[in-house]
Amino acid sequence: MKSLLVGEAADPRIKAAAEGLAVQHPSIDKVLSCVTIQQGPGEVLVALKIKIERNVNVEQLIGAINEFEDRLRERCPEVQWLYVEPDFHEGRGRETQTRVRSDHNEPSTAS
């Protein structure tokens, strides 16, 4: 049994679920970064930075993020805090590309 250290990365399946569910949405081009933090027993924080498609308007973006949040929390109910930062650009900050939609020709560098 893995010991629980508050502040350590959460179970890797949560990060994999977040990345995988995000790129399944047609409005989300790729996940630029994904961080998970174990806050306590059964309490996980997930923060993602996503690259969105250029043709997405604000209403579509809000819908995409809400759908993603619902799907992730359904799959991983221990996710208590979920923050999603949308962007059009890569290379602004410390993000590293982690997952790309499968209909793109770019390789995935998922960890």
C-alpha atoms as a PDB file:
ATOM      1  CA  MET A   1       0.000   0.000   0.000  1.00  0.00           C
ATOM      2  CA  LYS A   2       1.358   3.398  -0.981  1.00  0.00           C
ATOM      3  CA  SER A   3       1.738   5.885   1.826  1.00  0.00           C
ATOM      4  CA  LEU A   4      -0.130   9.167   1.529  1.00  0.00           C
ATOM      5  CA  LEU A   5       2.042  12.244   1.578  1.00  0.00           C
ATOM      6  CA  VAL A   6       0.042  15.439   1.304  1.00  0.00           C
ATOM      7  CA  GLY A   7       1.403  17.558  -1.517  1.00  0.00           C
ATOM      8  CA  GLU A   8       2.872  14.687  -3.540  1.00  0.00           C
ATOM      9  CA  ALA A   9       1.652  13.862  -7.017  1.00  0.00           C
ATOM     10  CA  ALA A  10      -1.644  11.990  -7.011  1.00  0.00           C
ATOM     11  CA  ASP A  11      -2.118   8.478  -8.358  1.00  0.00           C
ATOM     12  CA  PRO A  12      -0.795   8.423 -11.967  1.00  0.00           C
ATOM     13  CA  ARG A  13      -4.153   7.083 -13.208  1.00  0.00           C
ATOM     14  CA  ILE A  14      -5.738  10.449 -12.362  1.00  0.00           C
ATOM     15  CA  LYS A  15      -3.215  12.352 -14.485  1.00  0.00           C
ATOM     16  CA  ALA A  16      -3.672   9.847 -17.320  1.00  0.00           C
ATOM     17  CA  ALA A  17      -7.465  10.175 -17.090  1.00  0.00           C
ATOM     18  CA  ALA A  18      -7.296  13.988 -17.109  1.00  0.00           C
ATOM     19  CA  GLU A  19      -4.980  14.097 -20.122  1.00  0.00           C
ATOM     20  CA  GLY A  20      -6.897  11.443 -22.029  1.00  0.00           C
ATOM     21  CA  LEU A  21     -10.342  12.935 -21.430  1.00  0.00           C
ATOM     22  CA  ALA A  22      -9.172  16.451 -22.309  1.00  0.00           C
ATOM     23  CA  VAL A  23      -7.838  15.556 -25.740  1.00  0.00           C
ATOM     24  CA  GLN A  24     -10.963  13.561 -26.583  1.00  0.00           C
ATOM     25  CA  HIS A  25     -12.885  16.836 -26.791  1.00  0.00           C
ATOM     26  CA  PRO A  26     -12.870  18.339 -30.306  1.00  0.00           C
ATOM     27  CA  SER A  27     -12.343  21.899 -28.981  1.00  0.00           C
ATOM     28  CA  ILE A  28      -9.153  20.943 -27.146  1.00  0.00           C
ATOM     29  CA  ASP A  29      -6.094  20.633 -29.367  1.00  0.00           C
ATOM     30  CA  LYS A  30      -3.621  19.366 -26.762  1.00  0.00           C
ATOM     31  CA  VAL A  31      -2.714  19.323 -23.100  1.00  0.00           C
ATOM     32  CA  LEU A  32       0.282  21.582 -22.540  1.00  0.00           C
ATOM     33  CA  SER A  33       0.753  20.672 -18.887  1.00  0.00           C
ATOM     34  CA  CYS A  34      -0.985  18.655 -16.212  1.00  0.00           C
ATOM     35  CA  VAL A  35      -0.230  18.700 -12.504  1.00  0.00           C
ATOM     36  CA  THR A  36      -1.907  16.584  -9.839  1.00  0.00           C
ATOM     37  CA  ILE A  37      -1.499  17.097  -6.099  1.00  0.00           C
ATOM     38  CA  GLN A  38      -2.728  14.836  -3.312  1.00  0.00           C
ATOM     39  CA  GLN A  39      -4.391  17.165  -0.787  1.00  0.00           C
ATOM     40  CA  GLY A  40      -5.477  14.495   1.682  1.00  0.00           C
ATOM     41  CA  PRO A  41      -7.231  11.127   1.724  1.00  0.00           C
ATOM     42  CA  GLY A  42      -9.641  11.118  -1.204  1.00  0.00           C
ATOM     43  CA  GLU A  43      -8.854  14.750  -2.105  1.00  0.00           C
ATOM     44  CA  VAL A  44      -6.938  15.569  -5.270  1.00  0.00           C
ATOM     45  CA  LEU A  45      -6.202  18.854  -7.052  1.00  0.00           C
ATOM     46  CA  VAL A  46      -5.760  18.780 -10.839  1.00  0.00           C
ATOM     47  CA  ALA A  47      -4.462  21.759 -12.847  1.00  0.00           C
ATOM     48  CA  LEU A  48      -4.244  21.681 -16.637  1.00  0.00           C
ATOM     49  CA  LYS A  49      -3.111  24.112 -19.278  1.00  0.00           C
ATOM     50  CA  ILE A  50      -4.722  23.307 -22.603  1.00  0.00           C
ATOM     51  CA  LYS A  51      -4.268  24.555 -26.147  1.00  0.00           C
ATOM     52  CA  ILE A  52      -7.669  25.151 -27.715  1.00  0.00           C
ATOM     53  CA  GLU A  53      -8.639  25.202 -31.365  1.00  0.00           C
ATOM     54  CA  ARG A  54      -8.528  28.711 -32.861  1.00  0.00           C
ATOM     55  CA  ASN A  55     -12.125  28.620 -34.102  1.00  0.00           C
ATOM     56  CA  VAL A  56     -13.600  28.048 -30.617  1.00  0.00           C
ATOM     57  CA  ASN A  57     -15.683  30.911 -29.233  1.00  0.00           C
ATOM     58  CA  VAL A  58     -16.086  31.704 -25.531  1.00  0.00           C
ATOM     59  CA  GLU A  59     -19.370  29.820 -25.134  1.00  0.00           C
ATOM     60  CA  GLN A  60     -17.894  26.721 -26.787  1.00  0.00           C
ATOM     61  CA  LEU A  61     -14.795  26.990 -24.592  1.00  0.00           C
ATOM     62  CA  ILE A  62     -16.840  27.201 -21.410  1.00  0.00           C
ATOM     63  CA  GLY A  63     -18.917  24.233 -22.561  1.00  0.00           C
ATOM     64  CA  ALA A  64     -15.814  22.203 -23.389  1.00  0.00           C
ATOM     65  CA  ILE A  65     -14.252  22.894 -19.991  1.00  0.00           C
ATOM     66  CA  ASN A  66     -17.492  22.101 -18.143  1.00  0.00           C
ATOM     67  CA  GLU A  67     -17.939  18.839 -20.067  1.00  0.00           C
ATOM     68  CA  PHE A  68     -14.331  17.881 -19.333  1.00  0.00           C
ATOM     69  CA  GLU A  69     -14.753  18.651 -15.616  1.00  0.00           C
ATOM     70  CA  ASP A  70     -17.927  16.565 -15.404  1.00  0.00           C
ATOM     71  CA  ARG A  71     -16.340  13.601 -17.194  1.00  0.00           C
ATOM     72  CA  LEU A  72     -13.158  13.688 -15.075  1.00  0.00           C
ATOM     73  CA  ARG A  73     -15.059  13.917 -11.806  1.00  0.00           C
ATOM     74  CA  GLU A  74     -17.299  11.057 -12.916  1.00  0.00           C
ATOM     75  CA  ARG A  75     -14.259   8.892 -13.631  1.00  0.00           C
ATOM     76  CA  CYS A  76     -12.174  10.125 -10.669  1.00  0.00           C
ATOM     77  CA  PRO A  77     -14.478  11.296  -7.842  1.00  0.00           C
ATOM     78  CA  GLU A  78     -11.483  12.051  -5.620  1.00  0.00           C
ATOM     79  CA  VAL A  79     -10.782  15.134  -7.782  1.00  0.00           C
ATOM     80  CA  GLN A  80     -12.063  17.892  -5.500  1.00  0.00           C
ATOM     81  CA  TRP A  81     -10.334  20.875  -7.137  1.00  0.00           C
ATOM     82  CA  LEU A  82      -9.953  21.210 -10.890  1.00  0.00           C
ATOM     83  CA  TYR A  83      -8.436  24.193 -12.674  1.00  0.00           C
ATOM     84  CA  VAL A  84      -8.201  24.495 -16.451  1.00  0.00           C
ATOM     85  CA  GLU A  85      -6.263  27.305 -18.141  1.00  0.00           C
ATOM     86  CA  PRO A  86      -6.974  27.652 -21.870  1.00  0.00           C
ATOM     87  CA  ASP A  87      -4.448  29.139 -24.296  1.00  0.00           C
ATOM     88  CA  PHE A  88      -3.914  29.469 -28.048  1.00  0.00           C
ATOM     89  CA  HIS A  89      -0.137  29.367 -27.810  1.00  0.00           C
ATOM     90  CA  GLU A  90       2.551  26.963 -26.740  1.00  0.00           C
ATOM     91  CA  GLY A  91       5.742  27.959 -24.981  1.00  0.00           C
ATOM     92  CA  ARG A  92       4.284  30.621 -22.702  1.00  0.00           C
ATOM     93  CA  GLY A  93       5.420  29.567 -19.262  1.00  0.00           C
ATOM     94  CA  ARG A  94       6.675  26.268 -17.906  1.00  0.00           C
ATOM     95  CA  GLU A  95       4.266  23.959 -19.691  1.00  0.00           C
ATOM     96  CA  THR A  96       5.394  20.901 -21.535  1.00  0.00           C
ATOM     97  CA  GLN A  97       3.212  19.167 -24.064  1.00  0.00           C
ATOM     98  CA  THR A  98       1.891  15.997 -22.530  1.00  0.00           C
ATOM     99  CA  ARG A  99      -0.862  14.687 -24.770  1.00  0.00           C
ATOM    100  CA  VAL A 100      -2.085  15.488 -28.293  1.00  0.00           C
ATOM    101  CA  ARG A 101      -5.429  14.587 -29.840  1.00  0.00           C
ATOM    102  CA  SER A 102      -5.136  11.366 -31.798  1.00  0.00           C
ATOM    103  CA  ASP A 103      -6.255  12.978 -35.065  1.00  0.00           C
ATOM    104  CA  HIS A 104      -3.081  15.096 -35.101  1.00  0.00           C
ATOM    105  CA  ASN A 105       0.148  13.838 -36.596  1.00  0.00           C
ATOM    106  CA  GLU A 106       2.313  15.103 -33.763  1.00  0.00           C
ATOM    107  CA  PRO A 107       3.809  12.478 -31.422  1.00  0.00           C
ATOM    108  CA  SER A 108       2.586  12.258 -27.856  1.00  0.00           C
ATOM    109  CA  THR A 109       5.136  12.830 -25.113  1.00  0.00           C
ATOM    110  CA  ALA A 110       2.842  11.575 -22.375  1.00  0.00           C
ATOM    111  CA  SER A 111       4.566  10.733 -19.159  1.00  0.00           C
END
